[in-house]
PDB file of N, CA and C in Angstrom:
ATOM      1  N   MET A   1     -34.362-112.460 182.021  1.00  0.00           N
ATOM      2  CA  MET A   1     -34.884-112.669 183.349  1.00  0.00           C
ATOM      3  C   MET A   1     -36.215-111.939 183.556  1.00  0.00           C
ATOM      4  N   ILE A   2     -36.749-111.344 182.497  1.00  0.00           N
ATOM      5  CA  ILE A   2     -38.015-110.624 182.605  1.00  0.00           C
ATOM      6  C   ILE A   2     -39.154-111.550 183.035  1.00  0.00           C
ATOM      7  N   HIS A   3     -39.061-112.829 182.682  1.00  0.00           N
ATOM      8  CA  HIS A   3     -40.119-113.772 183.015  1.00  0.00           C
ATOM      9  C   HIS A   3     -40.312-113.944 184.527  1.00  0.00           C
ATOM     10  N   GLN A   4     -39.332-113.580 185.329  1.00  0.00           N
ATOM     11  CA  GLN A   4     -39.447-113.725 186.776  1.00  0.00           C
ATOM     12  C   GLN A   4     -40.352-112.665 187.396  1.00  0.00           C
ATOM     13  N   SER A   5     -40.634-111.600 186.678  1.00  0.00           N
ATOM     14  CA  SER A   5     -41.494-110.543 187.226  1.00  0.00           C
ATOM     15  C   SER A   5     -42.835-110.440 186.502  1.00  0.00           C
ATOM     16  N   TRP A   6     -43.167-111.387 185.624  1.00  0.00           N
ATOM     17  CA  TRP A   6     -44.418-111.321 184.874  1.00  0.00           C
ATOM     18  C   TRP A   6     -45.645-111.415 185.770  1.00  0.00           C
ATOM     19  N   GLU A   7     -45.585-112.142 186.860  1.00  0.00           N
ATOM     20  CA  GLU A   7     -46.743-112.276 187.747  1.00  0.00           C
ATOM     21  C   GLU A   7     -47.159-110.926 188.323  1.00  0.00           C
ATOM     22  N   LYS A   8     -46.204-110.040 188.533  1.00  0.00           N
ATOM     23  CA  LYS A   8     -46.472-108.728 189.102  1.00  0.00           C
ATOM     24  C   LYS A   8     -46.707-107.670 188.024  1.00  0.00           C
ATOM     25  N   LYS A   9     -46.456-108.015 186.777  1.00  0.00           N
ATOM     26  CA  LYS A   9     -46.562-107.078 185.667  1.00  0.00           C
ATOM     27  C   LYS A   9     -48.022-106.709 185.406  1.00  0.00           C
ATOM     28  N   GLU A  10     -48.215-105.512 184.885  1.00  0.00           N
ATOM     29  CA  GLU A  10     -49.554-105.039 184.541  1.00  0.00           C
ATOM     30  C   GLU A  10     -50.138-105.906 183.429  1.00  0.00           C
ATOM     31  N   THR A  11     -51.436-106.142 183.494  1.00  0.00           N
ATOM     32  CA  THR A  11     -52.119-106.960 182.501  1.00  0.00           C
ATOM     33  C   THR A  11     -52.191-106.233 181.168  1.00  0.00           C
ATOM     34  N   VAL A  12     -51.814-106.922 180.084  1.00  0.00           N
ATOM     35  CA  VAL A  12     -51.846-106.349 178.741  1.00  0.00           C
ATOM     36  C   VAL A  12     -53.267-106.327 178.216  1.00  0.00           C
ATOM     37  N   LYS A  13     -53.980-107.456 178.336  1.00  0.00           N
ATOM     38  CA  LYS A  13     -55.374-107.577 177.935  1.00  0.00           C
ATOM     39  C   LYS A  13     -55.945-108.838 178.550  1.00  0.00           C
ATOM     40  N   THR A  14     -57.229-109.054 178.347  1.00  0.00           N
ATOM     41  CA  THR A  14     -57.890-110.245 178.854  1.00  0.00           C
ATOM     42  C   THR A  14     -58.379-111.071 177.670  1.00  0.00           C
ATOM     43  N   VAL A  15     -58.199-112.382 177.765  1.00  0.00           N
ATOM     44  CA  VAL A  15     -58.636-113.297 176.717  1.00  0.00           C
ATOM     45  C   VAL A  15     -59.492-114.398 177.339  1.00  0.00           C
ATOM     46  N   LYS A  16     -60.326-115.013 176.504  1.00  0.00           N
ATOM     47  CA  LYS A  16     -61.188-116.098 176.955  1.00  0.00           C
ATOM     48  C   LYS A  16     -60.706-117.396 176.327  1.00  0.00           C
ATOM     49  N   CYS A  17     -60.576-118.431 177.133  1.00  0.00           N
ATOM     50  CA  CYS A  17     -60.186-119.747 176.635  1.00  0.00           C
ATOM     51  C   CYS A  17     -61.389-120.366 175.928  1.00  0.00           C
ATOM     52  N   ILE A  18     -61.226-120.727 174.654  1.00  0.00           N
ATOM     53  CA  ILE A  18     -62.345-121.269 173.891  1.00  0.00           C
ATOM     54  C   ILE A  18     -62.310-122.795 173.781  1.00  0.00           C
ATOM     55  N   HIS A  19     -61.148-123.405 173.971  1.00  0.00           N
ATOM     56  CA  HIS A  19     -61.054-124.866 173.969  1.00  0.00           C
ATOM     57  C   HIS A  19     -59.726-125.301 174.604  1.00  0.00           C
ATOM     58  N   THR A  20     -59.682-126.575 174.965  1.00  0.00           N
ATOM     59  CA  THR A  20     -58.454-127.151 175.522  1.00  0.00           C
ATOM     60  C   THR A  20     -58.075-128.412 174.756  1.00  0.00           C
ATOM     61  N   ASP A  21     -58.479-128.492 173.504  1.00  0.00           N
ATOM     62  CA  ASP A  21     -58.193-129.651 172.654  1.00  0.00           C
ATOM     63  C   ASP A  21     -56.820-129.499 172.018  1.00  0.00           C
ATOM     64  N   ALA A  22     -55.810-129.945 172.718  1.00  0.00           N
ATOM     65  CA  ALA A  22     -54.438-129.827 172.232  1.00  0.00           C
ATOM     66  C   ALA A  22     -54.049-131.086 171.463  1.00  0.00           C
ATOM     67  N   LYS A  23     -53.290-130.895 170.390  1.00  0.00           N
ATOM     68  CA  LYS A  23     -52.840-132.028 169.588  1.00  0.00           C
ATOM     69  C   LYS A  23     -51.634-132.714 170.214  1.00  0.00           C
ATOM     70  N   LYS A  24     -50.745-131.930 170.807  1.00  0.00           N
ATOM     71  CA  LYS A  24     -49.480-132.485 171.279  1.00  0.00           C
ATOM     72  C   LYS A  24     -49.332-132.460 172.808  1.00  0.00           C
ATOM     73  N   TYR A  25     -49.867-131.441 173.459  1.00  0.00           N
ATOM     74  CA  TYR A  25     -49.662-131.257 174.895  1.00  0.00           C
ATOM     75  C   TYR A  25     -50.983-131.384 175.653  1.00  0.00           C
ATOM     76  N   ILE A  26     -50.914-131.662 176.937  1.00  0.00           N
ATOM     77  CA  ILE A  26     -52.100-131.706 177.786  1.00  0.00           C
ATOM     78  C   ILE A  26     -52.268-130.335 178.421  1.00  0.00           C
ATOM     79  N   VAL A  27     -53.304-129.623 178.029  1.00  0.00           N
ATOM     80  CA  VAL A  27     -53.525-128.290 178.590  1.00  0.00           C
ATOM     81  C   VAL A  27     -54.793-128.220 179.420  1.00  0.00           C
ATOM     82  N   ASN A  28     -55.636-129.255 179.375  1.00  0.00           N
ATOM     83  CA  ASN A  28     -56.882-129.190 180.132  1.00  0.00           C
ATOM     84  C   ASN A  28     -56.666-129.262 181.642  1.00  0.00           C
ATOM     85  N   ARG A  29     -55.448-129.537 182.079  1.00  0.00           N
ATOM     86  CA  ARG A  29     -55.137-129.520 183.520  1.00  0.00           C
ATOM     87  C   ARG A  29     -54.834-128.116 184.027  1.00  0.00           C
ATOM     88  N   VAL A  30     -54.467-127.209 183.121  1.00  0.00           N
ATOM     89  CA  VAL A  30     -54.076-125.860 183.539  1.00  0.00           C
ATOM     90  C   VAL A  30     -54.946-124.766 182.922  1.00  0.00           C
ATOM     91  N   LEU A  31     -55.784-125.114 181.957  1.00  0.00           N
ATOM     92  CA  LEU A  31     -56.719-124.162 181.363  1.00  0.00           C
ATOM     93  C   LEU A  31     -58.132-124.704 181.477  1.00  0.00           C
ATOM     94  N   THR A  32     -59.098-123.797 181.573  1.00  0.00           N
ATOM     95  CA  THR A  32     -60.501-124.166 181.626  1.00  0.00           C
ATOM     96  C   THR A  32     -61.221-123.447 180.499  1.00  0.00           C
ATOM     97  N   ALA A  33     -61.888-124.217 179.642  1.00  0.00           N
ATOM     98  CA  ALA A  33     -62.646-123.619 178.542  1.00  0.00           C
ATOM     99  C   ALA A  33     -63.756-122.741 179.110  1.00  0.00           C
ATOM    100  N   GLY A  34     -63.893-121.532 178.576  1.00  0.00           N
ATOM    101  CA  GLY A  34     -64.905-120.586 179.028  1.00  0.00           C
ATOM    102  C   GLY A  34     -64.413-119.612 180.086  1.00  0.00           C
ATOM    103  N   LYS A  35     -63.236-119.834 180.622  1.00  0.00           N
ATOM    104  CA  LYS A  35     -62.688-118.962 181.666  1.00  0.00           C
ATOM    105  C   LYS A  35     -61.861-117.835 181.044  1.00  0.00           C
ATOM    106  N   ASN A  36     -61.897-116.673 181.664  1.00  0.00           N
ATOM    107  CA  ASN A  36     -61.105-115.525 181.220  1.00  0.00           C
ATOM    108  C   ASN A  36     -59.755-115.518 181.917  1.00  0.00           C
ATOM    109  N   TYR A  37     -58.713-115.160 181.161  1.00  0.00           N
ATOM    110  CA  TYR A  37     -57.354-115.111 181.687  1.00  0.00           C
ATOM    111  C   TYR A  37     -56.719-113.773 181.349  1.00  0.00           C
ATOM    112  N   GLU A  38     -55.874-113.281 182.244  1.00  0.00           N
ATOM    113  CA  GLU A  38     -55.154-112.028 182.041  1.00  0.00           C
ATOM    114  C   GLU A  38     -53.840-112.306 181.326  1.00  0.00           C
ATOM    115  N   VAL A  39     -53.603-111.604 180.226  1.00  0.00           N
ATOM    116  CA  VAL A  39     -52.368-111.763 179.453  1.00  0.00           C
ATOM    117  C   VAL A  39     -51.302-110.868 180.071  1.00  0.00           C
ATOM    118  N   LYS A  40     -50.193-111.472 180.461  1.00  0.00           N
ATOM    119  CA  LYS A  40     -49.087-110.729 181.064  1.00  0.00           C
ATOM    120  C   LYS A  40     -48.025-110.356 180.042  1.00  0.00           C
ATOM    121  N   ASN A  41     -47.909-111.167 178.982  1.00  0.00           N
ATOM    122  CA  ASN A  41     -46.980-110.882 177.896  1.00  0.00           C
ATOM    123  C   ASN A  41     -47.491-111.602 176.659  1.00  0.00           C
ATOM    124  N   GLU A  42     -47.096-111.101 175.503  1.00  0.00           N
ATOM    125  CA  GLU A  42     -47.587-111.663 174.255  1.00  0.00           C
ATOM    126  C   GLU A  42     -46.469-111.672 173.217  1.00  0.00           C
ATOM    127  N   THR A  43     -46.381-112.764 172.471  1.00  0.00           N
ATOM    128  CA  THR A  43     -45.470-112.831 171.336  1.00  0.00           C
ATOM    129  C   THR A  43     -46.319-113.084 170.098  1.00  0.00           C
ATOM    130  N   GLU A  44     -45.664-113.287 168.986  1.00  0.00           N
ATOM    131  CA  GLU A  44     -46.383-113.521 167.745  1.00  0.00           C
ATOM    132  C   GLU A  44     -47.213-114.807 167.800  1.00  0.00           C
ATOM    133  N   GLU A  45     -46.735-115.802 168.538  1.00  0.00           N
ATOM    134  CA  GLU A  45     -47.364-117.120 168.554  1.00  0.00           C
ATOM    135  C   GLU A  45     -48.018-117.495 169.888  1.00  0.00           C
ATOM    136  N   PHE A  46     -47.594-116.862 170.986  1.00  0.00           N
ATOM    137  CA  PHE A  46     -48.026-117.276 172.315  1.00  0.00           C
ATOM    138  C   PHE A  46     -48.607-116.127 173.132  1.00  0.00           C
ATOM    139  N   TYR A  47     -49.491-116.515 174.078  1.00  0.00           N
ATOM    140  CA  TYR A  47     -49.905-115.656 175.183  1.00  0.00           C
ATOM    141  C   TYR A  47     -49.257-116.217 176.438  1.00  0.00           C
ATOM    142  N   PHE A  48     -48.766-115.355 177.294  1.00  0.00           N
ATOM    143  CA  PHE A  48     -48.237-115.760 178.589  1.00  0.00           C
ATOM    144  C   PHE A  48     -49.235-115.277 179.629  1.00  0.00           C
ATOM    145  N   ILE A  49     -49.895-116.228 180.265  1.00  0.00           N
ATOM    146  CA  ILE A  49     -50.973-115.926 181.201  1.00  0.00           C
ATOM    147  C   ILE A  49     -50.696-116.597 182.541  1.00  0.00           C
ATOM    148  N   ILE A  50     -51.438-116.170 183.558  1.00  0.00           N
ATOM    149  CA  ILE A  50     -51.425-116.884 184.833  1.00  0.00           C
ATOM    150  C   ILE A  50     -52.510-117.945 184.721  1.00  0.00           C
ATOM    151  N   ASP A  51     -52.086-119.212 184.670  1.00  0.00           N
ATOM    152  CA  ASP A  51     -53.025-120.310 184.444  1.00  0.00           C
ATOM    153  C   ASP A  51     -53.659-120.773 185.759  1.00  0.00           C
ATOM    154  N   ASN A  52     -54.362-121.894 185.715  1.00  0.00           N
ATOM    155  CA  ASN A  52     -55.077-122.400 186.892  1.00  0.00           C
ATOM    156  C   ASN A  52     -54.154-122.824 188.033  1.00  0.00           C
ATOM    157  N   THR A  53     -52.873-123.011 187.766  1.00  0.00           N
ATOM    158  CA  THR A  53     -51.933-123.381 188.831  1.00  0.00           C
ATOM    159  C   THR A  53     -51.433-122.157 189.596  1.00  0.00           C
ATOM    160  N   GLY A  54     -51.733-120.960 189.068  1.00  0.00           N
ATOM    161  CA  GLY A  54     -51.272-119.733 189.702  1.00  0.00           C
ATOM    162  C   GLY A  54     -49.914-119.272 189.204  1.00  0.00           C
ATOM    163  N   LYS A  55     -49.363-119.977 188.223  1.00  0.00           N
ATOM    164  CA  LYS A  55     -48.063-119.615 187.666  1.00  0.00           C
ATOM    165  C   LYS A  55     -48.231-119.129 186.235  1.00  0.00           C
ATOM    166  N   VAL A  56     -47.253-118.399 185.745  1.00  0.00           N
ATOM    167  CA  VAL A  56     -47.291-117.912 184.374  1.00  0.00           C
ATOM    168  C   VAL A  56     -46.903-119.047 183.432  1.00  0.00           C
ATOM    169  N   GLY A  57     -47.734-119.251 182.420  1.00  0.00           N
ATOM    170  CA  GLY A  57     -47.461-120.268 181.418  1.00  0.00           C
ATOM    171  C   GLY A  57     -47.677-119.702 180.032  1.00  0.00           C
ATOM    172  N   GLY A  58     -46.972-120.237 179.058  1.00  0.00           N
ATOM    173  CA  GLY A  58     -47.107-119.805 177.678  1.00  0.00           C
ATOM    174  C   GLY A  58     -47.966-120.788 176.898  1.00  0.00           C
ATOM    175  N   PHE A  59     -48.968-120.275 176.202  1.00  0.00           N
ATOM    176  CA  PHE A  59     -49.909-121.114 175.461  1.00  0.00           C
ATOM    177  C   PHE A  59     -50.122-120.545 174.075  1.00  0.00           C
ATOM    178  N   TYR A  60     -50.342-121.437 173.096  1.00  0.00           N
ATOM    179  CA  TYR A  60     -50.634-120.987 171.741  1.00  0.00           C
ATOM    180  C   TYR A  60     -51.878-120.104 171.734  1.00  0.00           C
ATOM    181  N   LYS A  61     -51.889-119.135 170.861  1.00  0.00           N
ATOM    182  CA  LYS A  61     -52.997-118.190 170.784  1.00  0.00           C
ATOM    183  C   LYS A  61     -54.295-118.831 170.306  1.00  0.00           C
ATOM    184  N   ASP A  62     -54.217-119.986 169.637  1.00  0.00           N
ATOM    185  CA  ASP A  62     -55.440-120.591 169.104  1.00  0.00           C
ATOM    186  C   ASP A  62     -56.351-121.176 170.181  1.00  0.00           C
ATOM    187  N   TYR A  63     -55.908-121.216 171.433  1.00  0.00           N
ATOM    188  CA  TYR A  63     -56.781-121.645 172.534  1.00  0.00           C
ATOM    189  C   TYR A  63     -57.675-120.515 173.034  1.00  0.00           C
ATOM    190  N   PHE A  64     -57.452-119.308 172.563  1.00  0.00           N
ATOM    191  CA  PHE A  64     -58.090-118.126 173.138  1.00  0.00           C
ATOM    192  C   PHE A  64     -58.758-117.252 172.078  1.00  0.00           C
ATOM    193  N   GLN A  65     -59.663-116.403 172.559  1.00  0.00           N
ATOM    194  CA  GLN A  65     -60.220-115.330 171.748  1.00  0.00           C
ATOM    195  C   GLN A  65     -60.187-114.056 172.573  1.00  0.00           C
ATOM    196  N   ASP A  66     -60.021-112.929 171.896  1.00  0.00           N
ATOM    197  CA  ASP A  66     -59.998-111.633 172.581  1.00  0.00           C
ATOM    198  C   ASP A  66     -61.390-111.308 173.105  1.00  0.00           C
ATOM    199  N   ILE A  67     -61.418-110.605 174.208  1.00  0.00           N
ATOM    200  CA  ILE A  67     -62.697-110.150 174.758  1.00  0.00           C
ATOM    201  C   ILE A  67     -62.811-108.657 174.492  1.00  0.00           C
TER     202      ILE A  67
END
């Protein structure tokens, strides 16, 4: 149930979205290339950020670069 408090959680780091060219999913509706996002949680494969909808979403790390 930790995911219910991620919006209020302290930011781990900030990343920049470098592209929204997804092979399988549509991400250009919730991510903007060139925009910085705050990482709320991180796994080996995903960043969990507050996306353009204002909700926490999990995205592959290859959409981002560290700042």
